[in-house]
Amino acid sequence: ARQVPTQTVRRWCTGIGALLCSICTVMFSFARSPTQAFLGYLFYEVSALLHGAGQFPNMMELGGQDTAILTSVSNSLAQLPAVVVPTLGLWLRKRTGSWVPQYLGAAFFQAVTGLLWLGYCSCTPAREQLHQSARGTKDESDKT
């Protein structure tokens, strides 16, 4: 039996988790009752656990000595919505009279980033990637 590398499993957990979060956001935005909203949010949080279970261990393992920098840059990028969403959300609410466009926009971007993670996330440690780049070679293990 073929053994799948741990990093590949984590990449898929992160990507699938992001896509499931996106679906749950859409469920939440179209909820017609408190129970539906609760279930959408509950499944979102469960999906976020799957997302985090792949992303953060991979950062620690692949980052090696550079994990702190990798995590800091990633966290900084992840905080950008906190700056944009309040203004954009209120603008969308005033323009459309609904919160749904904001949720759908968030779901769209989460789905896109999940697909990008699945397609382009490297399973090669960061330092190894730098050495390969300096030598002009590429590790074929990223193809899994």
C-alpha atoms as a PDB file:
ATOM      1  CA  ALA A   1       0.000   0.000   0.000  1.00  0.00           C
ATOM      2  CA  ARG A   2       1.194   3.457  -0.853  1.00  0.00           C
ATOM      3  CA  GLN A   3       1.882   5.705   2.132  1.00  0.00           C
ATOM      4  CA  VAL A   4       0.677   9.303   1.876  1.00  0.00           C
ATOM      5  CA  PRO A   5       3.066  11.872   3.423  1.00  0.00           C
ATOM      6  CA  THR A   6       1.800  13.611   6.562  1.00  0.00           C
ATOM      7  CA  GLN A   7       2.189  17.047   4.968  1.00  0.00           C
ATOM      8  CA  THR A   8      -0.054  16.002   2.085  1.00  0.00           C
ATOM      9  CA  VAL A   9      -2.758  14.865   4.517  1.00  0.00           C
ATOM     10  CA  ARG A  10      -2.465  18.188   6.324  1.00  0.00           C
ATOM     11  CA  ARG A  11      -2.668  20.131   3.051  1.00  0.00           C
ATOM     12  CA  TRP A  12      -5.906  18.331   2.198  1.00  0.00           C
ATOM     13  CA  CYS A  13      -7.306  18.892   5.729  1.00  0.00           C
ATOM     14  CA  THR A  14      -6.650  22.611   5.382  1.00  0.00           C
ATOM     15  CA  GLY A  15      -8.061  22.913   1.887  1.00  0.00           C
ATOM     16  CA  ILE A  16     -11.153  20.804   2.541  1.00  0.00           C
ATOM     17  CA  GLY A  17     -11.682  22.584   5.873  1.00  0.00           C
ATOM     18  CA  ALA A  18     -11.637  25.971   4.120  1.00  0.00           C
ATOM     19  CA  LEU A  19     -14.114  24.775   1.495  1.00  0.00           C
ATOM     20  CA  LEU A  20     -16.439  23.368   4.165  1.00  0.00           C
ATOM     21  CA  CYS A  21     -16.218  26.661   6.094  1.00  0.00           C
ATOM     22  CA  SER A  22     -17.238  28.428   2.912  1.00  0.00           C
ATOM     23  CA  ILE A  23     -20.293  26.185   2.485  1.00  0.00           C
ATOM     24  CA  CYS A  24     -21.268  26.672   6.135  1.00  0.00           C
ATOM     25  CA  THR A  25     -21.011  30.455   5.756  1.00  0.00           C
ATOM     26  CA  VAL A  26     -23.504  30.274   2.896  1.00  0.00           C
ATOM     27  CA  MET A  27     -25.753  28.047   5.060  1.00  0.00           C
ATOM     28  CA  PHE A  28     -25.589  30.600   7.852  1.00  0.00           C
ATOM     29  CA  SER A  29     -26.301  33.546   5.573  1.00  0.00           C
ATOM     30  CA  PHE A  30     -29.489  31.973   4.215  1.00  0.00           C
ATOM     31  CA  ALA A  31     -30.728  30.609   7.564  1.00  0.00           C
ATOM     32  CA  ARG A  32     -34.439  31.174   8.081  1.00  0.00           C
ATOM     33  CA  SER A  33     -34.549  30.193  11.731  1.00  0.00           C
ATOM     34  CA  PRO A  34     -32.304  30.363  14.790  1.00  0.00           C
ATOM     35  CA  THR A  35     -31.837  26.584  14.579  1.00  0.00           C
ATOM     36  CA  GLN A  36     -30.601  26.785  10.973  1.00  0.00           C
ATOM     37  CA  ALA A  37     -28.260  29.639  11.885  1.00  0.00           C
ATOM     38  CA  PHE A  38     -26.971  27.664  14.867  1.00  0.00           C
ATOM     39  CA  LEU A  39     -26.297  24.584  12.725  1.00  0.00           C
ATOM     40  CA  GLY A  40     -24.560  26.641  10.041  1.00  0.00           C
ATOM     41  CA  TYR A  41     -22.329  28.215  12.669  1.00  0.00           C
ATOM     42  CA  LEU A  42     -21.731  24.916  14.481  1.00  0.00           C
ATOM     43  CA  PHE A  43     -20.624  23.181  11.288  1.00  0.00           C
ATOM     44  CA  TYR A  44     -18.497  26.211  10.419  1.00  0.00           C
ATOM     45  CA  GLU A  45     -16.610  25.873  13.699  1.00  0.00           C
ATOM     46  CA  VAL A  46     -16.128  22.115  13.218  1.00  0.00           C
ATOM     47  CA  SER A  47     -14.828  22.773   9.693  1.00  0.00           C
ATOM     48  CA  ALA A  48     -12.497  25.461  11.065  1.00  0.00           C
ATOM     49  CA  LEU A  49     -10.981  22.814  13.360  1.00  0.00           C
ATOM     50  CA  LEU A  50     -10.223  20.667  10.310  1.00  0.00           C
ATOM     51  CA  HIS A  51      -8.733  23.712   8.588  1.00  0.00           C
ATOM     52  CA  GLY A  52      -6.525  24.562  11.568  1.00  0.00           C
ATOM     53  CA  ALA A  53      -5.510  20.930  12.127  1.00  0.00           C
ATOM     54  CA  GLY A  54      -3.738  21.000   8.786  1.00  0.00           C
ATOM     55  CA  GLN A  55      -2.476  24.552   8.607  1.00  0.00           C
ATOM     56  CA  PHE A  56      -0.774  25.151  11.934  1.00  0.00           C
ATOM     57  CA  PRO A  57       1.081  21.818  12.298  1.00  0.00           C
ATOM     58  CA  ASN A  58       2.337  22.215   8.728  1.00  0.00           C
ATOM     59  CA  MET A  59       3.639  25.691   9.543  1.00  0.00           C
ATOM     60  CA  MET A  60       5.519  24.341  12.542  1.00  0.00           C
ATOM     61  CA  GLU A  61       6.913  21.333  10.709  1.00  0.00           C
ATOM     62  CA  LEU A  62       7.740  22.972   7.386  1.00  0.00           C
ATOM     63  CA  GLY A  63       8.897  26.258   8.891  1.00  0.00           C
ATOM     64  CA  GLY A  64      11.618  24.663  10.978  1.00  0.00           C
ATOM     65  CA  GLN A  65      13.828  27.442  12.318  1.00  0.00           C
ATOM     66  CA  ASP A  66      11.679  29.981  10.463  1.00  0.00           C
ATOM     67  CA  THR A  67       8.347  28.973  12.011  1.00  0.00           C
ATOM     68  CA  ALA A  68       8.011  32.224  13.966  1.00  0.00           C
ATOM     69  CA  ILE A  69       8.473  34.328  10.831  1.00  0.00           C
ATOM     70  CA  LEU A  70       6.179  32.117   8.771  1.00  0.00           C
ATOM     71  CA  THR A  71       3.462  32.241  11.446  1.00  0.00           C
ATOM     72  CA  SER A  72       3.859  36.005  11.901  1.00  0.00           C
ATOM     73  CA  VAL A  73       3.489  36.749   8.198  1.00  0.00           C
ATOM     74  CA  SER A  74       0.543  34.380   7.911  1.00  0.00           C
ATOM     75  CA  ASN A  75      -1.150  35.882  10.958  1.00  0.00           C
ATOM     76  CA  SER A  76      -0.610  39.421   9.654  1.00  0.00           C
ATOM     77  CA  LEU A  77      -2.270  38.515   6.361  1.00  0.00           C
ATOM     78  CA  ALA A  78      -5.088  36.763   8.215  1.00  0.00           C
ATOM     79  CA  GLN A  79      -5.816  39.978  10.151  1.00  0.00           C
ATOM     80  CA  LEU A  80      -6.404  42.079   7.018  1.00  0.00           C
ATOM     81  CA  PRO A  81     -10.151  41.297   7.033  1.00  0.00           C
ATOM     82  CA  ALA A  82     -10.412  42.844  10.509  1.00  0.00           C
ATOM     83  CA  VAL A  83      -9.442  46.158   8.923  1.00  0.00           C
ATOM     84  CA  VAL A  84     -11.544  45.838   5.757  1.00  0.00           C
ATOM     85  CA  VAL A  85     -14.713  44.022   6.864  1.00  0.00           C
ATOM     86  CA  PRO A  86     -16.267  46.597   9.221  1.00  0.00           C
ATOM     87  CA  THR A  87     -16.236  49.373   6.626  1.00  0.00           C
ATOM     88  CA  LEU A  88     -17.046  47.145   3.672  1.00  0.00           C
ATOM     89  CA  GLY A  89     -19.721  45.274   5.637  1.00  0.00           C
ATOM     90  CA  LEU A  90     -21.544  48.437   6.640  1.00  0.00           C
ATOM     91  CA  TRP A  91     -21.286  49.792   3.100  1.00  0.00           C
ATOM     92  CA  LEU A  92     -22.748  46.569   1.679  1.00  0.00           C
ATOM     93  CA  ARG A  93     -25.493  46.568   4.320  1.00  0.00           C
ATOM     94  CA  LYS A  94     -26.488  50.167   3.501  1.00  0.00           C
ATOM     95  CA  ARG A  95     -26.330  49.493  -0.228  1.00  0.00           C
ATOM     96  CA  THR A  96     -28.230  46.175  -0.280  1.00  0.00           C
ATOM     97  CA  GLY A  97     -30.223  46.208   2.958  1.00  0.00           C
ATOM     98  CA  SER A  98     -28.879  42.754   3.834  1.00  0.00           C
ATOM     99  CA  TRP A  99     -25.907  41.082   5.477  1.00  0.00           C
ATOM    100  CA  VAL A 100     -26.010  38.249   2.921  1.00  0.00           C
ATOM    101  CA  PRO A 101     -23.583  39.889   0.421  1.00  0.00           C
ATOM    102  CA  GLN A 102     -20.954  40.165   3.132  1.00  0.00           C
ATOM    103  CA  TYR A 103     -21.326  36.491   4.043  1.00  0.00           C
ATOM    104  CA  LEU A 104     -21.293  35.427   0.405  1.00  0.00           C
ATOM    105  CA  GLY A 105     -18.170  37.500  -0.228  1.00  0.00           C
ATOM    106  CA  ALA A 106     -16.449  35.884   2.748  1.00  0.00           C
ATOM    107  CA  ALA A 107     -17.520  32.429   1.568  1.00  0.00           C
ATOM    108  CA  PHE A 108     -16.184  33.146  -1.917  1.00  0.00           C
ATOM    109  CA  PHE A 109     -12.770  34.272  -0.680  1.00  0.00           C
ATOM    110  CA  GLN A 110     -12.489  31.368   1.744  1.00  0.00           C
ATOM    111  CA  ALA A 111     -13.304  28.912  -1.052  1.00  0.00           C
ATOM    112  CA  VAL A 112     -10.736  30.535  -3.355  1.00  0.00           C
ATOM    113  CA  THR A 113      -8.015  30.448  -0.701  1.00  0.00           C
ATOM    114  CA  GLY A 114      -8.875  26.818   0.110  1.00  0.00           C
ATOM    115  CA  LEU A 115      -8.485  25.899  -3.557  1.00  0.00           C
ATOM    116  CA  LEU A 116      -5.221  27.854  -3.772  1.00  0.00           C
ATOM    117  CA  TRP A 117      -3.952  26.022  -0.691  1.00  0.00           C
ATOM    118  CA  LEU A 118      -4.833  22.674  -2.260  1.00  0.00           C
ATOM    119  CA  GLY A 119      -3.211  23.607  -5.539  1.00  0.00           C
ATOM    120  CA  TYR A 120      -0.079  25.404  -4.444  1.00  0.00           C
ATOM    121  CA  CYS A 121       0.739  24.612  -0.821  1.00  0.00           C
ATOM    122  CA  SER A 122       4.202  23.143  -0.647  1.00  0.00           C
ATOM    123  CA  CYS A 123       4.959  19.978   1.282  1.00  0.00           C
ATOM    124  CA  THR A 124       8.681  20.734   1.294  1.00  0.00           C
ATOM    125  CA  PRO A 125      10.283  22.346   4.371  1.00  0.00           C
ATOM    126  CA  ALA A 126      10.998  26.069   3.936  1.00  0.00           C
ATOM    127  CA  ARG A 127      14.786  25.843   4.314  1.00  0.00           C
ATOM    128  CA  GLU A 128      14.903  22.982   1.820  1.00  0.00           C
ATOM    129  CA  GLN A 129      12.920  25.099  -0.653  1.00  0.00           C
ATOM    130  CA  LEU A 130      15.445  27.922  -0.271  1.00  0.00           C
ATOM    131  CA  HIS A 131      18.354  25.542  -0.892  1.00  0.00           C
ATOM    132  CA  GLN A 132      16.591  24.070  -3.945  1.00  0.00           C
ATOM    133  CA  SER A 133      15.918  27.556  -5.258  1.00  0.00           C
ATOM    134  CA  ALA A 134      19.580  28.478  -4.856  1.00  0.00           C
ATOM    135  CA  ARG A 135      20.601  25.298  -6.732  1.00  0.00           C
ATOM    136  CA  GLY A 136      17.922  25.792  -9.372  1.00  0.00           C
ATOM    137  CA  THR A 137      16.195  22.454  -8.636  1.00  0.00           C
ATOM    138  CA  LYS A 138      12.655  21.590  -7.540  1.00  0.00           C
ATOM    139  CA  ASP A 139      11.508  18.816  -5.251  1.00  0.00           C
ATOM    140  CA  GLU A 140       9.011  16.522  -6.989  1.00  0.00           C
ATOM    141  CA  SER A 141       7.408  15.513  -3.670  1.00  0.00           C
ATOM    142  CA  ASP A 142       5.135  18.585  -3.949  1.00  0.00           C
ATOM    143  CA  LYS A 143       3.194  16.834  -6.701  1.00  0.00           C
ATOM    144  CA  THR A 144       1.308  14.592  -4.225  1.00  0.00           C
END
